[in-house]
Amino acid sequence: MRFDAVAAYNELHPHFQGRIRRNEPLARHCTFGAGGPADVWISLETQEELIGMVRLGVAQHWPLLIV
């Protein structure tokens, strides 16, 4: 199954308005300033958001990278 970034973004956007971006350069979030764009970037604020996002990602078979 192929990851559909647009579908994931559309599903997540209502819950993370203002904290979700498409094609966010990972270099902005890395000490070395290296990294290509993330298909979907979410700035999480709480441990509960992180747990919920990981659970949803696993259930949807989304690739996750936690920075």
Protein backbone atom coordinates (compact mmCIF):
# COMPACT_ATOMS: atom_id res chain seq x y z
CA MET A 1 0.00 0.00 0.00
CA ARG A 2 1.35 3.41 -1.00
CA PHE A 3 1.30 6.38 1.38
CA ASP A 4 -1.09 9.11 0.23
CA ALA A 5 0.23 12.34 1.77
CA VAL A 6 -2.71 14.41 0.52
CA ALA A 7 -5.25 12.06 2.12
CA ALA A 8 -3.27 11.99 5.38
CA TYR A 9 -3.00 15.79 5.41
CA ASN A 10 -6.72 16.17 4.75
CA GLU A 11 -7.55 13.75 7.57
CA LEU A 12 -5.23 15.42 10.06
CA HIS A 13 -5.71 19.10 9.15
CA PRO A 14 -8.95 19.65 11.13
CA HIS A 15 -7.18 18.48 14.31
CA PHE A 16 -3.90 20.38 13.86
CA GLN A 17 -4.82 23.63 12.12
CA GLY A 18 -1.88 26.00 12.17
CA ARG A 19 0.50 23.22 13.22
CA ILE A 20 0.40 21.00 10.14
CA ARG A 21 2.29 21.64 6.90
CA ARG A 22 2.90 19.86 3.62
CA ASN A 23 6.42 19.54 2.18
CA GLU A 24 8.05 21.07 5.27
CA PRO A 25 11.87 21.15 4.94
CA LEU A 26 13.35 18.94 7.67
CA ALA A 27 16.44 21.17 7.61
CA ARG A 28 14.44 23.76 9.58
CA HIS A 29 14.16 21.30 12.45
CA CYS A 30 17.67 19.81 12.43
CA THR A 31 20.87 21.14 14.00
CA PHE A 32 22.88 20.30 10.89
CA GLY A 33 20.44 22.02 8.54
CA ALA A 34 20.11 18.86 6.47
CA GLY A 35 17.06 17.00 5.27
CA GLY A 36 14.58 17.04 2.45
CA PRO A 37 10.89 17.85 2.72
CA ALA A 38 8.53 15.93 4.98
CA ASP A 39 5.36 14.90 3.16
CA VAL A 40 3.36 15.98 6.22
CA TRP A 41 4.82 17.82 9.24
CA ILE A 42 2.91 18.26 12.50
CA SER A 43 4.13 20.23 15.50
CA LEU A 44 2.76 18.30 18.46
CA GLU A 45 2.26 20.02 21.80
CA THR A 46 1.42 17.29 24.28
CA GLN A 47 2.35 13.73 25.09
CA GLU A 48 -1.26 12.76 24.43
CA GLU A 49 -1.04 14.17 20.89
CA LEU A 50 2.13 12.18 20.29
CA ILE A 51 0.56 8.94 21.53
CA GLY A 52 -2.56 9.54 19.45
CA MET A 53 -0.53 10.35 16.34
CA VAL A 54 1.60 7.21 16.69
CA ARG A 55 -1.50 5.05 17.20
CA LEU A 56 -3.20 6.57 14.17
CA GLY A 57 -0.06 6.23 12.06
CA VAL A 58 0.28 2.55 12.96
CA ALA A 59 -3.42 1.89 12.30
CA GLN A 60 -3.23 3.65 8.91
CA HIS A 61 0.17 2.10 8.02
CA TRP A 62 1.67 5.58 7.60
CA PRO A 63 5.45 5.97 7.68
CA LEU A 64 6.42 7.95 10.79
CA LEU A 65 9.59 9.84 11.64
CA ILE A 66 9.66 11.52 15.03
CA VAL A 67 12.05 14.47 15.21
